Each structure stands twice: as C-alpha cells, then as structure tokens.
Protein backbone atom coordinates (compact mmCIF):
# COMPACT_ATOMS: atom_id res chain seq x y z
CA UNK A 1 0.10 0.12 -0.03
CA UNK A 2 1.52 3.43 -0.92
CA UNK A 3 2.00 5.77 1.98
CA UNK A 4 -0.17 8.87 2.28
CA UNK A 5 1.14 11.94 0.31
CA UNK A 6 2.75 14.44 2.68
CA UNK A 7 0.71 17.42 3.85
CA UNK A 8 0.94 20.74 2.11
CA UNK A 9 3.89 23.04 3.55
CA UNK A 10 2.81 24.57 6.77
CA UNK A 11 -0.57 22.28 7.54
CA UNK A 12 1.54 20.34 9.79
CA UNK A 13 2.51 23.31 11.82
CA UNK A 14 -0.98 24.49 11.65
CA UNK A 15 -2.49 21.43 12.94
CA UNK A 16 0.17 21.16 15.63
CA UNK A 17 -0.87 25.01 16.66
CA UNK A 18 -4.47 23.68 17.03
CA UNK A 19 -3.91 20.77 18.91
CA UNK A 20 -1.93 22.98 21.40
CA UNK A 21 -4.78 25.37 21.74
CA UNK A 22 -7.12 22.43 22.56
CA UNK A 23 -5.18 20.97 25.06
CA UNK A 24 -5.57 23.55 27.45
CA UNK A 25 -9.36 23.30 26.89
CA UNK A 26 -9.17 19.61 27.64
CA UNK A 27 -7.44 20.36 30.75
CA UNK A 28 -10.06 22.74 31.62
CA UNK A 29 -12.86 20.28 30.91
CA UNK A 30 -10.81 17.26 32.97
CA UNK A 31 -10.55 19.46 35.85
CA UNK A 32 -14.09 20.50 35.77
CA UNK A 33 -15.58 17.01 35.75
CA UNK A 34 -13.08 16.04 38.63
CA UNK A 35 -14.34 18.94 40.65
CA UNK A 36 -17.89 17.86 39.92
CA UNK A 37 -17.63 14.43 40.99
CA UNK A 38 -15.66 15.30 43.99
CA UNK A 39 -18.53 17.47 44.84
CA UNK A 40 -21.15 15.15 43.93
CA UNK A 41 -19.92 12.01 46.23
CA UNK A 42 -17.77 13.41 48.71
CA UNK A 43 -14.83 10.90 48.15
CA UNK A 44 -11.19 12.23 48.03
CA UNK A 45 -10.88 10.96 44.39
CA UNK A 46 -7.37 12.35 44.28
CA UNK A 47 -6.60 9.96 46.79
CA UNK A 48 -8.51 7.15 44.89
CA UNK A 49 -6.46 7.75 41.76
CA UNK A 50 -3.22 6.59 43.63
CA UNK A 51 -4.71 3.16 43.60
CA UNK A 52 -4.55 2.72 39.97
CA UNK A 53 -0.90 2.23 39.72
CA UNK A 54 -0.70 0.14 42.97
CA UNK A 55 -3.19 -2.31 41.31
CA UNK A 56 -1.71 -2.17 37.77
CA UNK A 57 2.02 -2.36 39.13
CA UNK A 58 1.92 -3.76 42.53
CA UNK A 59 3.68 -2.75 45.52
CA UNK A 60 5.48 0.48 45.39
CA UNK A 61 7.35 2.66 48.06
CA UNK A 62 5.71 5.87 48.64
CA UNK A 63 8.39 7.91 47.08
CA UNK A 64 8.20 5.79 44.04
CA UNK A 65 4.54 6.12 43.75
CA UNK A 66 4.75 10.13 44.19
CA UNK A 67 7.56 9.96 41.34
CA UNK A 68 5.20 7.70 39.04
CA UNK A 69 2.33 9.87 39.39
CA UNK A 70 4.27 13.06 39.13
CA UNK A 71 2.96 14.34 42.32
CA UNK A 72 4.42 16.44 45.23
CA UNK A 73 5.56 13.62 47.78
CA UNK A 74 3.72 15.61 50.75
CA UNK A 75 0.72 15.43 48.79
CA UNK A 76 1.10 11.89 48.04
CA UNK A 77 1.76 11.37 51.69
CA UNK A 78 -1.48 12.85 52.86
CA UNK A 79 -3.57 10.75 50.12
CA UNK A 80 -1.90 7.74 51.17
CA UNK A 81 -2.48 8.20 55.08
CA UNK A 82 -6.21 8.78 53.99
CA UNK A 83 -6.26 5.51 51.80
CA UNK A 84 -4.72 3.35 54.84
CA UNK A 85 -7.37 4.95 57.13
CA UNK A 86 -10.05 4.00 55.02
CA UNK A 87 -8.42 0.36 54.55
CA UNK A 88 -7.87 0.67 50.86
CA UNK A 89 -3.98 0.43 51.31
CA UNK A 90 -1.90 -1.23 53.77
CA UNK A 91 1.99 -0.92 54.35
CA UNK A 92 3.90 -3.87 54.38
CA UNK A 93 7.81 -4.42 54.81
CA UNK A 94 9.93 -4.13 51.89
CA UNK A 95 11.65 -7.39 51.28
CA UNK A 96 14.86 -5.56 49.92
CA UNK A 97 15.12 -2.98 52.84
CA UNK A 98 13.71 -3.97 56.03
CA UNK A 99 13.73 -0.10 57.12
CA UNK A 100 11.49 0.78 54.13
CA UNK A 101 7.80 -0.20 53.55
CA UNK A 102 5.83 -0.41 50.33
CA UNK A 103 1.99 0.22 49.74
CA UNK A 104 -0.13 -2.77 48.67
CA UNK A 105 -3.89 -2.11 47.50
CA UNK A 106 -6.35 -3.97 49.85
CA UNK A 107 -9.28 -6.10 48.47
CA UNK A 108 -11.28 -3.08 49.40
CA UNK A 109 -8.63 -0.87 47.22
CA UNK A 110 -8.87 -2.98 44.19
CA UNK A 111 -12.68 -3.11 44.48
CA UNK A 112 -12.73 0.70 44.56
CA UNK A 113 -10.59 0.91 41.41
CA UNK A 114 -13.12 -1.34 39.79
CA UNK A 115 -16.03 0.98 40.83
CA UNK A 116 -13.98 3.93 39.75
CA UNK A 117 -13.16 2.50 36.32
CA UNK A 118 -16.86 1.58 35.84
CA UNK A 119 -17.92 4.87 36.53
CA UNK A 120 -15.36 6.49 34.07
CA UNK A 121 -16.61 3.94 31.62
CA UNK A 122 -20.21 4.64 32.04
CA UNK A 123 -19.67 8.05 31.83
CA UNK A 124 -17.64 8.05 28.42
CA UNK A 125 -20.19 5.69 27.18
CA UNK A 126 -22.91 8.15 27.64
CA UNK A 127 -20.73 10.98 25.91
CA UNK A 128 -19.78 8.85 23.20
CA UNK A 129 -22.97 7.40 22.10
CA UNK A 130 -23.07 9.05 18.91
CA UNK A 131 -19.61 7.97 17.68
CA UNK A 132 -19.23 5.31 15.44
CA UNK A 133 -16.95 2.16 16.49
CA UNK A 134 -14.27 3.15 14.03
CA UNK A 135 -14.09 6.74 15.33
CA UNK A 136 -14.00 5.50 18.94
CA UNK A 137 -11.18 2.98 18.11
CA UNK A 138 -9.01 5.60 15.95
CA UNK A 139 -9.54 8.11 19.25
CA UNK A 140 -8.53 5.45 21.43
CA UNK A 141 -5.56 4.45 19.64
CA UNK A 142 -4.23 7.83 18.77
CA UNK A 143 -4.81 9.35 22.45
CA UNK A 144 -3.00 6.21 24.03
CA UNK A 145 0.15 7.08 21.36
CA UNK A 146 -0.25 10.90 22.38
CA UNK A 147 -0.08 10.06 26.21
CA UNK A 148 2.77 7.39 25.69
CA UNK A 149 4.65 10.47 24.10
CA UNK A 150 3.85 12.94 26.85
CA UNK A 151 4.97 10.54 29.31
CA UNK A 152 8.26 9.99 27.45
CA UNK A 153 8.75 13.75 27.34
CA UNK A 154 8.44 14.04 31.22
CA UNK A 155 11.67 13.36 33.38
CA UNK A 156 11.33 9.73 33.81
CA UNK A 157 10.93 8.42 37.42
CA UNK A 158 14.05 6.92 38.74
CA UNK A 159 14.53 3.44 37.52
CA UNK A 160 10.82 2.74 37.49
CA UNK A 161 8.92 0.89 34.58
CA UNK A 162 6.55 3.34 33.19
CA UNK A 163 3.46 1.36 32.46
CA UNK A 164 2.02 1.49 29.28
CA UNK A 165 -1.89 1.36 29.52
CA UNK A 166 -3.38 -1.83 27.92
CA UNK A 167 -5.06 -1.41 24.36
C-alpha cells in the first residue's frame, strides 16, 4: 500500500498549533469533571487515583508512587494516609530493605478501583453514544499514543518502568 501524500507545507504546523490550543481546553474540562465528581459524592478522588498504579504495577514505595504519578511527595503522603485509614491500602515491609515499607492495595482498594473504572466507562459511554466504532477505535489508539509520547517527554521516575496502558 502506498504511503499517504505528505501534508501541504505549513499544514502540519497549523495542526500542531490547533492541538496546542485544544490541550488547555481539554485539561480545563477534565478538571471541571473531577471537581463535579468530588463535590457530588464527597469522596477524596485525588487519593483514590493513587490506587490505580498500585493495582496495575503492584507494591510500591511511597516515594516511587509520588514519582510515578508526578505528584508532590507531601501531597501523596497525605493521600496515602487517608487510603490507609480507609482500609484501601496497607503498608508492608519491603523485602529488599527492612527499614522501608511498600504500599499495597487491599481487596477493598481493588474493589474501589473497579468501581471508579466502571464509573468512568459509564460516563464515557454516555458521552460517546453518537460515535461510530471506527471513530472510537481511532481516538483510543491515537490518544494512547499521545499519552505515551507525553509520558516519554517527562523526566522519567528513577528506575521505574513506565506502565503502558493496555489497548
């Protein structure tokens, strides 16, 4: 199959500029949705988001978790304390260093992740009801690629594998 013709001169720059103008709008909308959810159900969603890497990757030191989610260690510390208090995370001894602990999602924490994932999927399903399967597949693939490239552009956490979302 022949490769597509290159875009006209300047068209790529115009599309990159258009995307750069859309990104802040996307971030504001995501923030608005997060704020609306937090106000609606009273849960501390920012803390619950820390459960996702713990269930995907497994036990992590708190400092590694902070690096992985690109968050301030003191903020992560406060959120982890809340998760421990709620019984969603427990601290276990680090087998490689007895002075350190790792964070592990409990069964209740894994259940909370599943509920959050289902809530997200339900919301998106309602928003994307008018999209064709092909459009949805194209967006999902391209958005995953963008997220991978954004992740690669960030300073990488010290010696941690960067988990790629499963397609």
